[in-house]
Amino acid sequence: MLDALTLVTGVAALLLAAWCGWAAYRDEPTKDWHFIGMGVVSLLALVQLVVGIVQLARGEKPEQGTTIFVAYLLGALACVPAAGLMSLSERSKWGSVTAAAGAVVLAVLEVRLYDIWGG
């Protein structure tokens, strides 16, 4: 796995969480800018998924197993878009809280992916 990509994705997720958390603190729903941020973070997770699959195809193996590694990659890709969709249905500060929680989950998954790969 590319350590730099994992770090950038995790930090971007934490920044998104802080941004959405700040909106929730100010009693604001998620805005268009938040969704653009979610798109950027989701794009980073998609790049990570592709890189992970390419490395598996080249014969590299994660330390803790391929199945769990792929499952975490798919979960990392899905968590921010899922939280974004849920925040659309709740147009209050709780939508921002949901988006922030999804971003925190992604950051935690990044740490776990690093550990699974053998970091």
C-alpha atoms as a PDB file:
ATOM      1  CA  MET A   1       0.000   0.000   0.000  1.00  0.00           C
ATOM      2  CA  LEU A   2       1.121   3.527  -0.548  1.00  0.00           C
ATOM      3  CA  ASP A   3       1.687   5.017   2.885  1.00  0.00           C
ATOM      4  CA  ALA A   4       1.473   8.572   1.552  1.00  0.00           C
ATOM      5  CA  LEU A   5      -1.939   7.948  -0.018  1.00  0.00           C
ATOM      6  CA  THR A   6      -3.220   6.403   3.194  1.00  0.00           C
ATOM      7  CA  LEU A   7      -1.954   9.390   5.184  1.00  0.00           C
ATOM      8  CA  VAL A   8      -3.406  11.958   2.780  1.00  0.00           C
ATOM      9  CA  THR A   9      -6.781  10.212   2.726  1.00  0.00           C
ATOM     10  CA  GLY A  10      -6.892   9.982   6.524  1.00  0.00           C
ATOM     11  CA  VAL A  11      -5.905  13.614   7.025  1.00  0.00           C
ATOM     12  CA  ALA A  12      -8.407  14.776   4.381  1.00  0.00           C
ATOM     13  CA  ALA A  13     -11.111  12.772   6.150  1.00  0.00           C
ATOM     14  CA  LEU A  14     -10.251  14.379   9.486  1.00  0.00           C
ATOM     15  CA  LEU A  15     -10.313  17.844   7.916  1.00  0.00           C
ATOM     16  CA  LEU A  16     -13.729  17.084   6.435  1.00  0.00           C
ATOM     17  CA  ALA A  17     -14.915  15.858   9.832  1.00  0.00           C
ATOM     18  CA  ALA A  18     -13.729  19.077  11.478  1.00  0.00           C
ATOM     19  CA  TRP A  19     -15.373  21.202   8.788  1.00  0.00           C
ATOM     20  CA  CYS A  20     -18.719  19.399   9.042  1.00  0.00           C
ATOM     21  CA  GLY A  21     -18.418  19.368  12.831  1.00  0.00           C
ATOM     22  CA  TRP A  22     -17.944  23.129  12.806  1.00  0.00           C
ATOM     23  CA  ALA A  23     -21.101  23.481  10.707  1.00  0.00           C
ATOM     24  CA  ALA A  24     -22.981  21.309  13.207  1.00  0.00           C
ATOM     25  CA  TYR A  25     -21.662  23.436  16.077  1.00  0.00           C
ATOM     26  CA  ARG A  26     -23.116  26.487  14.328  1.00  0.00           C
ATOM     27  CA  ASP A  27     -26.468  24.671  13.816  1.00  0.00           C
ATOM     28  CA  GLU A  28     -26.060  24.545  10.028  1.00  0.00           C
ATOM     29  CA  PRO A  29     -26.963  21.713   7.658  1.00  0.00           C
ATOM     30  CA  THR A  30     -24.510  20.380   5.109  1.00  0.00           C
ATOM     31  CA  LYS A  31     -24.036  22.804   2.245  1.00  0.00           C
ATOM     32  CA  ASP A  32     -22.881  22.336  -1.341  1.00  0.00           C
ATOM     33  CA  TRP A  33     -19.277  23.007  -0.307  1.00  0.00           C
ATOM     34  CA  HIS A  34     -19.425  20.160   2.178  1.00  0.00           C
ATOM     35  CA  PHE A  35     -20.584  17.818  -0.567  1.00  0.00           C
ATOM     36  CA  ILE A  36     -17.688  18.936  -2.766  1.00  0.00           C
ATOM     37  CA  GLY A  37     -15.357  18.090   0.125  1.00  0.00           C
ATOM     38  CA  MET A  38     -17.037  14.709   0.489  1.00  0.00           C
ATOM     39  CA  GLY A  39     -16.484  14.148  -3.231  1.00  0.00           C
ATOM     40  CA  VAL A  40     -12.779  14.915  -2.932  1.00  0.00           C
ATOM     41  CA  VAL A  41     -12.365  12.574   0.028  1.00  0.00           C
ATOM     42  CA  SER A  42     -14.366   9.867  -1.756  1.00  0.00           C
ATOM     43  CA  LEU A  43     -12.156  10.285  -4.829  1.00  0.00           C
ATOM     44  CA  LEU A  44      -9.093   9.695  -2.641  1.00  0.00           C
ATOM     45  CA  ALA A  45     -10.717   6.528  -1.278  1.00  0.00           C
ATOM     46  CA  LEU A  46     -11.454   5.385  -4.841  1.00  0.00           C
ATOM     47  CA  VAL A  47      -7.819   5.946  -5.842  1.00  0.00           C
ATOM     48  CA  GLN A  48      -6.771   3.938  -2.805  1.00  0.00           C
ATOM     49  CA  LEU A  49      -9.093   1.094  -3.816  1.00  0.00           C
ATOM     50  CA  VAL A  50      -7.618   1.012  -7.326  1.00  0.00           C
ATOM     51  CA  VAL A  51      -4.040   1.114  -5.995  1.00  0.00           C
ATOM     52  CA  GLY A  52      -4.831  -1.670  -3.534  1.00  0.00           C
ATOM     53  CA  ILE A  53      -6.339  -3.889  -6.224  1.00  0.00           C
ATOM     54  CA  VAL A  54      -3.398  -3.244  -8.558  1.00  0.00           C
ATOM     55  CA  GLN A  55      -0.948  -4.202  -5.828  1.00  0.00           C
ATOM     56  CA  LEU A  56      -2.899  -7.385  -5.138  1.00  0.00           C
ATOM     57  CA  ALA A  57      -2.896  -8.187  -8.858  1.00  0.00           C
ATOM     58  CA  ARG A  58       0.889  -7.719  -8.945  1.00  0.00           C
ATOM     59  CA  GLY A  59       1.229 -10.432  -6.319  1.00  0.00           C
ATOM     60  CA  GLU A  60       1.771  -8.339  -3.210  1.00  0.00           C
ATOM     61  CA  LYS A  61      -0.070  -9.624  -0.165  1.00  0.00           C
ATOM     62  CA  PRO A  62      -1.362  -7.856   2.920  1.00  0.00           C
ATOM     63  CA  GLU A  63      -0.028  -9.159   6.199  1.00  0.00           C
ATOM     64  CA  GLN A  64      -3.453  -9.937   7.691  1.00  0.00           C
ATOM     65  CA  GLY A  65      -5.202 -11.432   4.655  1.00  0.00           C
ATOM     66  CA  THR A  66      -6.535 -10.407   1.300  1.00  0.00           C
ATOM     67  CA  THR A  67     -10.227 -10.800   2.080  1.00  0.00           C
ATOM     68  CA  ILE A  68     -10.231  -8.480   5.069  1.00  0.00           C
ATOM     69  CA  PHE A  69      -8.061  -6.000   3.167  1.00  0.00           C
ATOM     70  CA  VAL A  70     -10.490  -5.805   0.246  1.00  0.00           C
ATOM     71  CA  ALA A  71     -13.442  -5.569   2.643  1.00  0.00           C
ATOM     72  CA  TYR A  72     -11.856  -2.589   4.400  1.00  0.00           C
ATOM     73  CA  LEU A  73     -11.056  -0.950   1.050  1.00  0.00           C
ATOM     74  CA  LEU A  74     -14.696  -1.267   0.000  1.00  0.00           C
ATOM     75  CA  GLY A  75     -15.890   0.007   3.381  1.00  0.00           C
ATOM     76  CA  ALA A  76     -13.546   2.988   3.136  1.00  0.00           C
ATOM     77  CA  LEU A  77     -14.928   3.791  -0.291  1.00  0.00           C
ATOM     78  CA  ALA A  78     -18.554   3.571   0.866  1.00  0.00           C
ATOM     79  CA  CYS A  79     -18.590   5.305   4.259  1.00  0.00           C
ATOM     80  CA  VAL A  80     -18.399   8.983   3.216  1.00  0.00           C
ATOM     81  CA  PRO A  81     -20.898   8.736   0.314  1.00  0.00           C
ATOM     82  CA  ALA A  82     -23.311   6.838   2.578  1.00  0.00           C
ATOM     83  CA  ALA A  83     -23.004   9.508   5.269  1.00  0.00           C
ATOM     84  CA  GLY A  84     -23.480  12.196   2.620  1.00  0.00           C
ATOM     85  CA  LEU A  85     -26.685  10.590   1.400  1.00  0.00           C
ATOM     86  CA  MET A  86     -27.987  10.317   4.945  1.00  0.00           C
ATOM     87  CA  SER A  87     -27.133  13.964   5.589  1.00  0.00           C
ATOM     88  CA  LEU A  88     -29.287  14.929   2.609  1.00  0.00           C
ATOM     89  CA  SER A  89     -32.328  13.441   4.284  1.00  0.00           C
ATOM     90  CA  GLU A  90     -31.709  15.407   7.484  1.00  0.00           C
ATOM     91  CA  ARG A  91     -31.462  19.078   6.568  1.00  0.00           C
ATOM     92  CA  SER A  92     -30.505  20.288  10.024  1.00  0.00           C
ATOM     93  CA  LYS A  93     -27.345  20.318  12.103  1.00  0.00           C
ATOM     94  CA  TRP A  94     -27.750  16.556  12.451  1.00  0.00           C
ATOM     95  CA  GLY A  95     -26.991  16.170   8.766  1.00  0.00           C
ATOM     96  CA  SER A  96     -23.657  17.855   9.408  1.00  0.00           C
ATOM     97  CA  VAL A  97     -23.074  15.586  12.395  1.00  0.00           C
ATOM     98  CA  THR A  98     -23.754  12.553  10.204  1.00  0.00           C
ATOM     99  CA  ALA A  99     -21.294  13.736   7.556  1.00  0.00           C
ATOM    100  CA  ALA A 100     -18.656  14.407  10.215  1.00  0.00           C
ATOM    101  CA  ALA A 101     -19.180  10.947  11.698  1.00  0.00           C
ATOM    102  CA  GLY A 102     -18.762   9.324   8.286  1.00  0.00           C
ATOM    103  CA  ALA A 103     -15.487  11.181   7.801  1.00  0.00           C
ATOM    104  CA  VAL A 104     -14.214  10.063  11.219  1.00  0.00           C
ATOM    105  CA  VAL A 105     -15.103   6.481  10.329  1.00  0.00           C
ATOM    106  CA  LEU A 106     -13.050   6.818   7.142  1.00  0.00           C
ATOM    107  CA  ALA A 107     -10.055   8.106   9.106  1.00  0.00           C
ATOM    108  CA  VAL A 108     -10.291   5.120  11.456  1.00  0.00           C
ATOM    109  CA  LEU A 109     -10.569   2.739   8.493  1.00  0.00           C
ATOM    110  CA  GLU A 110      -7.403   4.278   7.044  1.00  0.00           C
ATOM    111  CA  VAL A 111      -5.485   3.464  10.213  1.00  0.00           C
ATOM    112  CA  ARG A 112      -6.839  -0.066  10.111  1.00  0.00           C
ATOM    113  CA  LEU A 113      -5.932  -0.470   6.420  1.00  0.00           C
ATOM    114  CA  TYR A 114      -2.386   0.576   7.205  1.00  0.00           C
ATOM    115  CA  ASP A 115      -2.283  -2.022   9.970  1.00  0.00           C
ATOM    116  CA  ILE A 116      -3.778  -4.788   7.784  1.00  0.00           C
ATOM    117  CA  TRP A 117      -1.256  -4.154   5.024  1.00  0.00           C
ATOM    118  CA  GLY A 118       1.579  -4.549   7.502  1.00  0.00           C
ATOM    119  CA  GLY A 119       2.494  -1.013   8.466  1.00  0.00           C
END
